[in-house]
């Protein structure tokens, strides 16, 4: 747990952003500090080195940062799951509900193959909507999502519970309960 405490201590909390009452958990200090970034990536590499997924799928946008570096370190492919309208080729889309409306994510139809074992990664789990949409996309193309992973879990928002109830095993490095 020493590494988790080290990482948690380098996540900045920005009060009242993007709106009053929200405690925003900012991972950018982890990315700008070379040692912290190495510790962060190593935590994921060590977890998935032996199970070696077929690919890492990263959720737009901070999941791209962690996911692409992790895929490189594991010598496997990286699959971007983007916000609607950002991918140039034929896509499959999944719309999900947010507390203030809905959003859509997409991925290329040839990004994964039936039977691929994919790790789905993002920076943070809040309500779980984006990760659940990513899971559905990957499964629609025949892939198996072996695990969802994130740096931060915000369990009070219910996302990690919701994802587990949907059958997605989860791995997170740090958790922030309450303020």
Protein backbone atom coordinates (compact mmCIF):
# COMPACT_ATOMS: atom_id res chain seq x y z
CA UNK A 1 0.00 0.00 0.00
CA UNK A 2 3.01 2.28 0.17
CA UNK A 3 2.80 3.03 -3.57
CA UNK A 4 -0.95 3.70 -3.37
CA UNK A 5 -0.40 6.19 -0.55
CA UNK A 6 2.40 7.82 -2.53
CA UNK A 7 0.13 8.20 -5.57
CA UNK A 8 -2.87 9.40 -3.56
CA UNK A 9 -0.72 12.09 -1.99
CA UNK A 10 0.07 13.44 -5.45
CA UNK A 11 -3.53 13.75 -6.64
CA UNK A 12 -4.63 17.34 -6.32
CA UNK A 13 -8.10 18.11 -4.97
CA UNK A 14 -9.67 21.19 -6.54
CA UNK A 15 -12.65 22.34 -4.45
CA UNK A 16 -15.81 23.61 -6.10
CA UNK A 17 -14.83 22.68 -9.65
CA UNK A 18 -16.51 22.44 -12.11
CA UNK A 19 -19.36 23.55 -9.85
CA UNK A 20 -19.89 24.36 -6.17
CA UNK A 21 -19.72 21.36 -3.86
CA UNK A 22 -17.64 19.17 -6.18
CA UNK A 23 -14.21 18.02 -5.01
CA UNK A 24 -12.42 17.47 -8.34
CA UNK A 25 -9.64 14.85 -8.18
CA UNK A 26 -6.94 16.10 -10.56
CA UNK A 27 -4.43 13.50 -11.75
CA UNK A 28 -2.26 15.91 -13.74
CA UNK A 29 0.34 16.19 -10.94
CA UNK A 30 0.88 12.41 -11.29
CA UNK A 31 1.56 12.86 -14.98
CA UNK A 32 3.93 15.81 -14.68
CA UNK A 33 6.13 14.20 -11.99
CA UNK A 34 8.39 11.61 -13.72
CA UNK A 35 8.76 9.45 -10.60
CA UNK A 36 5.05 9.49 -9.79
CA UNK A 37 4.17 8.72 -13.43
CA UNK A 38 6.58 5.74 -13.41
CA UNK A 39 5.14 4.42 -10.13
CA UNK A 40 1.63 4.82 -11.53
CA UNK A 41 2.34 2.95 -14.77
CA UNK A 42 4.35 0.27 -12.97
CA UNK A 43 1.37 -0.52 -10.73
CA UNK A 44 -0.70 -1.38 -13.80
CA UNK A 45 2.14 -3.16 -15.63
CA UNK A 46 2.78 -5.45 -12.66
CA UNK A 47 -0.92 -6.27 -12.39
CA UNK A 48 -1.36 -7.23 -16.06
CA UNK A 49 2.09 -8.52 -17.02
CA UNK A 50 1.25 -12.20 -16.47
CA UNK A 51 -2.41 -12.09 -17.55
CA UNK A 52 -1.43 -10.17 -20.70
CA UNK A 53 -4.65 -8.91 -22.29
CA UNK A 54 -4.93 -8.82 -26.10
CA UNK A 55 -5.34 -5.04 -26.01
CA UNK A 56 -5.91 -2.08 -23.73
CA UNK A 57 -8.95 0.08 -24.48
CA UNK A 58 -8.73 3.61 -23.10
CA UNK A 59 -11.66 5.92 -22.50
CA UNK A 60 -11.56 9.47 -23.84
CA UNK A 61 -9.48 11.33 -22.84
CA UNK A 62 -7.35 10.62 -19.78
CA UNK A 63 -7.75 6.88 -20.29
CA UNK A 64 -5.72 7.43 -23.47
CA UNK A 65 -2.73 8.63 -21.48
CA UNK A 66 -2.57 5.71 -19.07
CA UNK A 67 -3.85 3.11 -21.53
CA UNK A 68 -1.46 3.86 -24.37
CA UNK A 69 1.60 3.82 -22.11
CA UNK A 70 0.41 0.59 -20.48
CA UNK A 71 -0.20 -1.04 -23.87
CA UNK A 72 3.30 -0.03 -24.95
CA UNK A 73 4.84 -1.49 -21.79
CA UNK A 74 2.90 -4.76 -22.23
CA UNK A 75 3.71 -4.88 -25.97
CA UNK A 76 0.03 -5.08 -26.96
CA UNK A 77 -2.31 -2.87 -28.98
CA UNK A 78 -4.20 0.19 -27.81
CA UNK A 79 -7.85 0.91 -28.69
CA UNK A 80 -9.22 4.44 -28.24
CA UNK A 81 -12.87 4.78 -27.22
CA UNK A 82 -13.72 8.35 -28.19
CA UNK A 83 -16.49 10.85 -27.78
CA UNK A 84 -18.95 10.82 -30.67
CA UNK A 85 -17.74 12.25 -33.97
CA UNK A 86 -13.98 12.03 -33.34
CA UNK A 87 -13.10 8.82 -35.20
CA UNK A 88 -12.63 8.84 -39.00
CA UNK A 89 -13.55 5.24 -39.91
CA UNK A 90 -16.69 3.12 -39.52
CA UNK A 91 -17.73 3.13 -35.87
CA UNK A 92 -20.03 1.46 -33.41
CA UNK A 93 -21.61 3.75 -30.82
CA UNK A 94 -23.05 3.49 -27.33
CA UNK A 95 -25.13 6.20 -25.67
CA UNK A 96 -25.36 6.40 -21.90
CA UNK A 97 -27.06 8.58 -19.35
CA UNK A 98 -25.37 11.28 -17.33
CA UNK A 99 -26.83 13.12 -14.38
CA UNK A 100 -27.47 16.10 -16.68
CA UNK A 101 -28.33 14.39 -19.99
CA UNK A 102 -26.65 11.80 -22.17
CA UNK A 103 -23.38 11.21 -23.98
CA UNK A 104 -22.16 8.88 -26.70
CA UNK A 105 -18.85 7.09 -27.13
CA UNK A 106 -17.61 5.32 -30.24
CA UNK A 107 -14.89 2.99 -31.42
CA UNK A 108 -13.83 1.66 -34.80
CA UNK A 109 -15.61 -1.50 -35.84
CA UNK A 110 -12.29 -3.21 -36.56
CA UNK A 111 -10.61 -2.19 -33.29
CA UNK A 112 -11.08 -5.59 -31.63
CA UNK A 113 -11.88 -9.08 -32.82
CA UNK A 114 -14.18 -11.72 -31.41
CA UNK A 115 -12.37 -13.50 -28.60
CA UNK A 116 -9.98 -10.65 -27.77
CA UNK A 117 -9.35 -10.22 -24.05
CA UNK A 118 -9.40 -6.48 -23.38
CA UNK A 119 -8.49 -4.35 -20.39
CA UNK A 120 -10.69 -1.24 -20.19
CA UNK A 121 -9.01 1.73 -18.51
CA UNK A 122 -9.80 5.28 -17.44
CA UNK A 123 -8.43 7.76 -14.95
CA UNK A 124 -11.39 7.77 -12.57
CA UNK A 125 -14.61 5.94 -11.75
CA UNK A 126 -17.41 8.26 -10.69
CA UNK A 127 -20.92 7.15 -11.73
CA UNK A 128 -19.55 4.39 -13.99
CA UNK A 129 -21.52 5.40 -17.08
CA UNK A 130 -18.58 5.90 -19.42
CA UNK A 131 -16.85 2.66 -18.44
CA UNK A 132 -20.09 0.70 -18.72
CA UNK A 133 -20.65 2.14 -22.21
CA UNK A 134 -17.08 1.15 -23.17
CA UNK A 135 -17.68 -2.38 -21.88
CA UNK A 136 -20.85 -2.67 -23.96
CA UNK A 137 -19.05 -1.46 -27.10
CA UNK A 138 -16.25 -3.98 -26.71
CA UNK A 139 -18.68 -6.82 -26.03
CA UNK A 140 -20.82 -5.89 -29.05
CA UNK A 141 -17.74 -6.51 -31.20
CA UNK A 142 -17.15 -9.90 -29.55
CA UNK A 143 -14.35 -9.00 -27.14
CA UNK A 144 -14.26 -10.05 -23.49
CA UNK A 145 -13.51 -7.26 -21.04
CA UNK A 146 -11.27 -8.97 -18.50
CA UNK A 147 -11.26 -6.03 -16.10
CA UNK A 148 -11.99 -2.35 -15.72
CA UNK A 149 -9.14 -0.33 -14.26
CA UNK A 150 -8.73 3.23 -13.05
CA UNK A 151 -6.40 5.30 -10.95
CA UNK A 152 -9.15 6.72 -8.72
CA UNK A 153 -12.43 5.34 -7.40
CA UNK A 154 -15.07 7.66 -5.96
CA UNK A 155 -17.23 4.99 -4.30
CA UNK A 156 -19.77 7.41 -2.83
CA UNK A 157 -20.97 8.16 -6.39
CA UNK A 158 -21.88 4.49 -6.87
CA UNK A 159 -20.01 3.82 -10.10
CA UNK A 160 -17.79 1.00 -8.87
CA UNK A 161 -20.80 -0.76 -7.32
CA UNK A 162 -22.77 -0.32 -10.55
CA UNK A 163 -19.93 -1.71 -12.66
CA UNK A 164 -19.44 -4.74 -10.43
CA UNK A 165 -23.19 -5.39 -10.51
CA UNK A 166 -22.92 -5.37 -14.32
CA UNK A 167 -20.32 -8.15 -14.05
CA UNK A 168 -17.18 -6.09 -14.59
CA UNK A 169 -14.27 -6.89 -12.26
CA UNK A 170 -12.54 -3.67 -11.18
CA UNK A 171 -9.06 -2.63 -10.14
CA UNK A 172 -8.35 0.85 -8.81
CA UNK A 173 -5.23 2.21 -7.18
CA UNK A 174 -6.73 4.76 -4.78
CA UNK A 175 -10.11 5.61 -3.34
CA UNK A 176 -11.49 8.92 -2.14
CA UNK A 177 -14.45 8.67 0.21
CA UNK A 178 -16.38 11.86 0.94
CA UNK A 179 -14.75 15.27 0.85
